[in-house]
Protein backbone atom coordinates (compact mmCIF):
# COMPACT_ATOMS: atom_id res chain seq x y z
CA MET A 1 -8.82 -7.82 36.74
CA ARG A 2 -10.75 -5.05 34.97
CA ILE A 3 -8.30 -2.44 36.21
CA LEU A 4 -5.34 -4.57 35.08
CA HIS A 5 -6.95 -5.01 31.68
CA LEU A 6 -7.42 -1.23 31.36
CA PHE A 7 -3.79 -0.61 32.28
CA ASN A 8 -2.68 -3.16 29.68
CA LEU A 9 -4.90 -1.56 27.06
CA LEU A 10 -3.58 1.92 27.88
CA ALA A 11 0.03 0.73 27.66
CA PHE A 12 -0.68 -0.90 24.31
CA LEU A 13 -2.27 2.25 22.90
CA LEU A 14 0.55 4.49 24.10
CA ALA A 15 3.10 2.13 22.57
CA GLY A 16 1.48 2.68 19.18
CA CYS A 17 1.48 6.48 19.33
CA ALA A 18 4.05 8.79 17.76
CA GLN A 19 5.30 6.19 15.28
CA ALA A 20 5.90 8.91 12.70
CA ARG A 21 6.60 12.62 13.05
CA ILE A 22 6.95 15.31 10.38
CA VAL A 23 9.87 17.54 11.36
CA GLN A 24 11.12 20.90 10.07
CA PRO A 25 10.65 21.10 6.27
CA PRO A 26 13.87 20.93 4.25
CA PRO A 27 15.35 24.19 2.92
CA VAL A 28 14.02 25.46 -0.41
CA SER A 29 17.19 24.28 -2.16
CA ALA A 30 16.30 20.66 -1.31
CA ALA A 31 13.14 20.98 -3.40
CA ALA A 32 15.09 22.05 -6.47
CA PRO A 33 15.63 19.57 -9.34
CA GLY A 34 17.76 16.75 -7.99
CA GLY A 35 16.20 16.88 -4.53
CA ILE A 36 14.25 13.73 -5.40
CA ALA A 37 16.42 10.88 -6.66
CA PRO A 38 15.46 9.17 -9.95
CA ALA A 39 13.46 6.00 -9.28
CA SER A 40 15.08 2.62 -9.56
CA ARG A 41 13.66 0.79 -12.57
CA SER A 42 14.12 -2.60 -10.87
CA LEU A 43 11.63 -3.92 -8.34
CA PRO A 44 12.87 -4.53 -4.76
CA VAL A 45 12.78 -8.34 -4.93
CA GLY A 46 13.37 -9.85 -1.48
CA GLU A 47 11.95 -6.87 0.39
CA ASP A 48 9.72 -7.36 3.46
CA LEU A 49 7.82 -4.43 4.92
CA GLU A 50 5.86 -4.42 8.18
CA TYR A 51 3.29 -1.75 9.05
CA ARG A 52 1.15 -0.82 12.03
CA ILE A 53 -2.43 0.32 11.39
CA SER A 54 -4.14 2.83 13.67
CA TRP A 55 -7.74 4.04 13.63
CA TRP A 56 -8.47 7.36 15.36
CA GLY A 57 -4.94 7.00 16.79
CA ILE A 58 -5.69 3.56 18.28
CA PRO A 59 -3.60 0.60 17.00
CA VAL A 60 -5.98 -1.94 15.43
CA GLY A 61 -3.80 -4.27 13.35
CA THR A 62 -0.75 -4.98 11.26
CA VAL A 63 0.08 -5.38 7.59
CA THR A 64 3.02 -7.18 6.02
CA LEU A 65 4.04 -6.62 2.41
CA SER A 66 6.63 -8.74 0.63
CA LEU A 67 8.05 -9.19 -2.86
CA GLN A 68 9.69 -12.54 -3.57
CA PRO A 69 10.80 -14.58 -6.63
CA ALA A 70 8.08 -16.75 -8.20
CA GLU A 71 7.60 -19.10 -11.16
CA ARG A 72 8.12 -18.22 -14.83
CA LYS A 73 10.63 -15.46 -14.02
CA LEU A 74 7.89 -13.48 -12.30
CA VAL A 75 7.88 -12.05 -8.78
CA LYS A 76 5.09 -12.40 -6.23
CA ALA A 77 3.84 -9.48 -4.20
CA HIS A 78 1.97 -10.63 -1.12
CA LEU A 79 0.04 -8.52 1.37
CA GLU A 80 -1.37 -9.89 4.61
CA GLY A 81 -3.31 -7.86 7.14
CA ARG A 82 -4.86 -8.85 10.45
CA SER A 83 -6.70 -7.11 13.23
CA ASN A 84 -4.98 -7.17 16.61
CA ARG A 85 -6.34 -9.05 19.62
CA TYR A 86 -8.39 -6.08 20.86
CA LEU A 87 -10.24 -5.55 17.58
CA GLN A 88 -10.35 -9.30 17.03
CA ALA A 89 -12.66 -9.64 20.03
CA PHE A 90 -15.57 -7.88 18.31
CA TYR A 91 -14.63 -7.27 14.64
CA PRO A 92 -12.01 -9.71 13.34
CA VAL A 93 -10.48 -8.77 9.98
CA ARG A 94 -8.17 -10.84 7.79
CA VAL A 95 -6.87 -9.80 4.37
CA GLU A 96 -4.62 -11.77 2.01
CA ILE A 97 -3.80 -10.36 -1.42
CA SER A 98 -1.20 -11.49 -3.93
CA SER A 99 -0.12 -10.40 -7.39
CA LEU A 100 2.28 -12.06 -9.86
CA ILE A 101 4.30 -9.29 -11.52
CA ASP A 102 6.74 -9.01 -14.40
CA PRO A 103 9.88 -7.58 -12.73
CA GLU A 104 10.92 -5.74 -15.91
CA THR A 105 7.67 -3.88 -16.59
CA ALA A 106 5.84 -4.07 -13.21
CA ALA A 107 2.84 -5.42 -15.18
CA PRO A 108 0.66 -7.91 -13.26
CA SER A 109 -0.34 -11.29 -14.72
CA ARG A 110 -2.54 -12.73 -11.95
CA PHE A 111 -4.19 -11.19 -8.89
CA GLN A 112 -5.89 -13.00 -6.01
CA ALA A 113 -7.73 -11.52 -3.04
CA PHE A 114 -9.24 -12.97 0.12
CA VAL A 115 -10.95 -10.61 2.56
CA LYS A 116 -12.81 -11.74 5.68
CA ARG A 117 -14.66 -9.25 7.87
CA ARG A 118 -16.35 -10.97 10.78
CA TRP A 119 -18.37 -13.70 8.99
CA ARG A 120 -18.38 -12.07 5.51
CA VAL A 121 -15.87 -13.42 2.99
CA HIS A 122 -14.91 -11.88 -0.36
CA GLU A 123 -12.74 -13.81 -2.81
CA SER A 124 -11.78 -12.77 -6.32
CA THR A 125 -9.14 -13.36 -8.98
CA ILE A 126 -7.99 -11.43 -12.03
CA THR A 127 -6.11 -13.13 -14.87
CA PHE A 128 -4.39 -10.83 -17.35
CA ASP A 129 -3.97 -11.77 -21.01
CA ARG A 130 -1.39 -9.27 -22.25
CA ALA A 131 -1.43 -10.63 -25.82
CA GLU A 132 -5.19 -10.03 -26.08
CA GLY A 133 -5.15 -6.88 -23.97
CA THR A 134 -7.81 -8.17 -21.56
CA ALA A 135 -8.29 -9.08 -17.92
CA PHE A 136 -10.71 -11.79 -16.81
CA HIS A 137 -12.32 -11.12 -13.42
CA LYS A 138 -13.72 -14.04 -11.40
CA LEU A 139 -15.98 -12.50 -8.78
CA PRO A 140 -18.16 -13.64 -5.85
CA LYS A 141 -21.58 -15.19 -6.40
CA GLY A 142 -20.51 -16.77 -9.69
CA ARG A 143 -20.08 -13.43 -11.44
CA SER A 144 -17.35 -12.79 -14.00
CA ALA A 145 -16.29 -10.06 -16.41
CA THR A 146 -13.70 -9.51 -19.12
CA VAL A 147 -12.41 -5.95 -19.48
CA PRO A 148 -9.86 -4.33 -21.83
CA VAL A 149 -6.53 -3.35 -20.26
CA GLY A 150 -3.55 -1.36 -21.43
CA SER A 151 0.14 -1.93 -20.86
CA ALA A 152 0.10 0.23 -17.72
CA THR A 153 -3.15 -1.12 -16.19
CA GLN A 154 -2.50 -2.37 -12.67
CA ASP A 155 -4.31 -4.34 -10.00
CA GLY A 156 -4.79 -3.01 -6.47
CA LEU A 157 -1.47 -4.43 -5.22
CA SER A 158 0.85 -4.25 -8.22
CA VAL A 159 0.13 -0.51 -8.44
CA VAL A 160 2.21 0.00 -5.28
CA TYR A 161 5.31 -1.36 -7.02
CA TYR A 162 4.52 0.30 -10.35
CA VAL A 163 4.43 3.71 -8.68
CA ARG A 164 7.83 3.01 -7.11
CA THR A 165 9.36 2.83 -10.61
CA ILE A 166 8.12 6.30 -11.61
CA ASP A 167 10.27 9.43 -11.41
CA PHE A 168 8.66 11.99 -9.09
CA HIS A 169 8.56 15.75 -9.71
CA LEU A 170 6.93 18.29 -7.39
CA GLY A 171 3.48 19.29 -8.65
CA GLN A 172 3.35 16.28 -10.98
CA SER A 173 0.06 14.51 -11.69
CA ILE A 174 0.25 10.72 -12.09
CA PRO A 175 -2.72 9.19 -13.95
CA LEU A 176 -3.21 5.52 -13.13
CA GLU A 177 -5.67 2.83 -14.21
CA ILE A 178 -6.60 0.01 -11.86
CA THR A 179 -8.79 -2.94 -12.80
CA ALA A 180 -10.96 -4.24 -9.93
CA ASP A 181 -14.43 -5.66 -9.34
CA GLY A 182 -15.02 -6.26 -13.04
CA LYS A 183 -14.28 -2.66 -14.10
CA ASN A 184 -11.44 -0.28 -14.82
CA TRP A 185 -10.98 2.66 -12.48
CA HIS A 186 -9.01 5.85 -13.05
CA LEU A 187 -6.90 7.08 -10.16
CA ASP A 188 -5.13 10.44 -10.26
CA GLY A 189 -2.19 10.81 -7.94
CA ARG A 190 -0.33 14.04 -7.31
CA ILE A 191 3.16 14.75 -5.98
CA LEU A 192 2.89 17.54 -3.42
CA LYS A 193 6.10 18.34 -1.55
CA LEU A 194 9.30 17.25 0.15
CA GLU A 195 9.30 16.79 3.92
CA ARG A 196 11.61 15.42 6.55
CA MET A 197 10.15 12.66 8.70
CA GLU A 198 11.26 10.71 11.75
CA LEU A 199 10.03 7.14 12.04
CA LYS A 200 10.22 5.45 15.41
CA GLY A 201 13.02 2.90 15.30
CA LEU A 202 13.88 3.70 11.67
CA GLY A 203 15.47 7.14 11.95
CA ALA A 204 15.06 10.26 9.83
CA TRP A 205 14.05 10.28 6.16
CA LEU A 206 13.70 12.81 3.37
CA THR A 207 10.26 12.00 1.98
CA VAL A 208 8.02 12.81 -0.96
CA GLU A 209 4.39 13.46 -0.05
CA GLY A 210 1.72 12.51 -2.54
CA SER A 211 -2.07 12.44 -2.56
CA ALA A 212 -4.69 10.25 -4.20
CA GLU A 213 -8.40 9.47 -4.04
CA LEU A 214 -9.10 5.74 -3.76
CA ALA A 215 -11.90 5.67 -6.32
CA TYR A 216 -11.74 1.91 -6.95
CA PRO A 217 -13.31 -0.70 -4.59
CA VAL A 218 -11.11 -1.11 -1.51
CA PRO A 219 -12.58 -2.66 1.67
CA PHE A 220 -13.46 0.20 4.07
CA PHE A 221 -11.76 2.83 1.90
CA GLN A 222 -13.55 3.28 -1.44
CA GLY A 223 -13.73 6.99 -2.18
CA ALA A 224 -11.32 7.82 0.64
CA LYS A 225 -8.69 10.53 0.27
CA ALA A 226 -5.16 9.42 1.05
CA ARG A 227 -1.86 11.16 1.68
CA ILE A 228 1.16 8.92 1.16
CA TRP A 229 4.83 9.50 1.96
CA PHE A 230 7.58 7.69 0.01
CA SER A 231 11.29 7.87 0.68
CA ALA A 232 12.86 10.42 -1.68
CA ASP A 233 15.70 8.06 -2.58
CA GLN A 234 15.65 5.75 -5.60
CA GLU A 235 13.92 2.95 -3.66
CA ARG A 236 10.68 4.92 -3.12
CA ILE A 237 9.83 3.00 0.07
CA PRO A 238 6.21 3.58 1.20
CA LEU A 239 6.75 4.95 4.71
CA LEU A 240 3.45 6.39 5.85
CA ALA A 241 -0.17 6.72 4.69
CA LYS A 242 -2.95 8.80 6.23
CA ILE A 243 -6.39 7.89 4.92
CA HIS A 244 -9.51 9.97 5.54
CA SER A 245 -12.29 7.44 5.07
CA ARG A 246 -15.96 6.98 5.86
CA ILE A 247 -15.00 4.97 8.96
CA GLY A 248 -12.68 7.70 10.25
CA PRO A 249 -8.98 8.55 9.99
CA VAL A 250 -6.66 5.59 9.45
CA THR A 251 -2.86 5.73 9.67
CA VAL A 252 -0.51 3.09 8.25
CA VAL A 253 3.13 3.49 9.31
CA LEU A 254 6.23 1.45 8.50
CA THR A 255 7.73 -0.27 11.53
CA LYS A 256 10.29 -2.64 9.96
CA ARG A 257 12.03 -3.24 6.63
CA THR A 258 14.22 -6.26 5.82
CA SER A 259 15.56 -8.05 2.75
CA ARG A 260 15.76 -11.80 2.18
CA VAL A 261 17.60 -11.71 -1.15
CA SER A 262 21.11 -10.37 -1.62
CA PRO A 263 21.50 -7.73 -4.35
């Protein structure tokens, strides 16, 4: 039985390898103005994205990310992540995060987070008051804080969709502000280069590579340096992330994309 279990484990690990591959860079002309399409100003309502997470090249879990219609003409972004059955045996992880977003401005109005690592649970909410220019943080252990926010201040999930509405230019710096854990955090992203990428089961893509340091509190990843690849078309689909963190290299790669709402 031990040998069978090892064979099953090996097959599972091999199945998760080579999900994404950078291929020959595009010719110089592709990096000229116009090589990156202008971003769509509308959010991809109805989109479902599925990702596989690997740690040191070993698959450890999955993440799903969706954007669906919600109340008061808002849309709801929802992220759910779980460790797979191998990691579950000794370090179960469950993450559920949601953000209510204005589809016209990509501004969040309410953020909720639930993170469980083994027996430790973290729950928090952020309620934005755009008229007052504040965000009220309800934090663990009865703590709370009210912080000032600007029109472009994002939470840790809405920022993904906000970035997808920005036009990208090679060499561009993208200053961002994220409110989390009762504080505001500055995050500087940078657009690096165009690359061609092949994703297993999803074909070839022209991509835009960017980089960022995750300065704000993110479970496992605070202070980590990340490289992120978006599709270079107007949809700016997050395709791949490589994160160099204190727990080692983590890769997040898109495995499936669907839509539940007709355009």
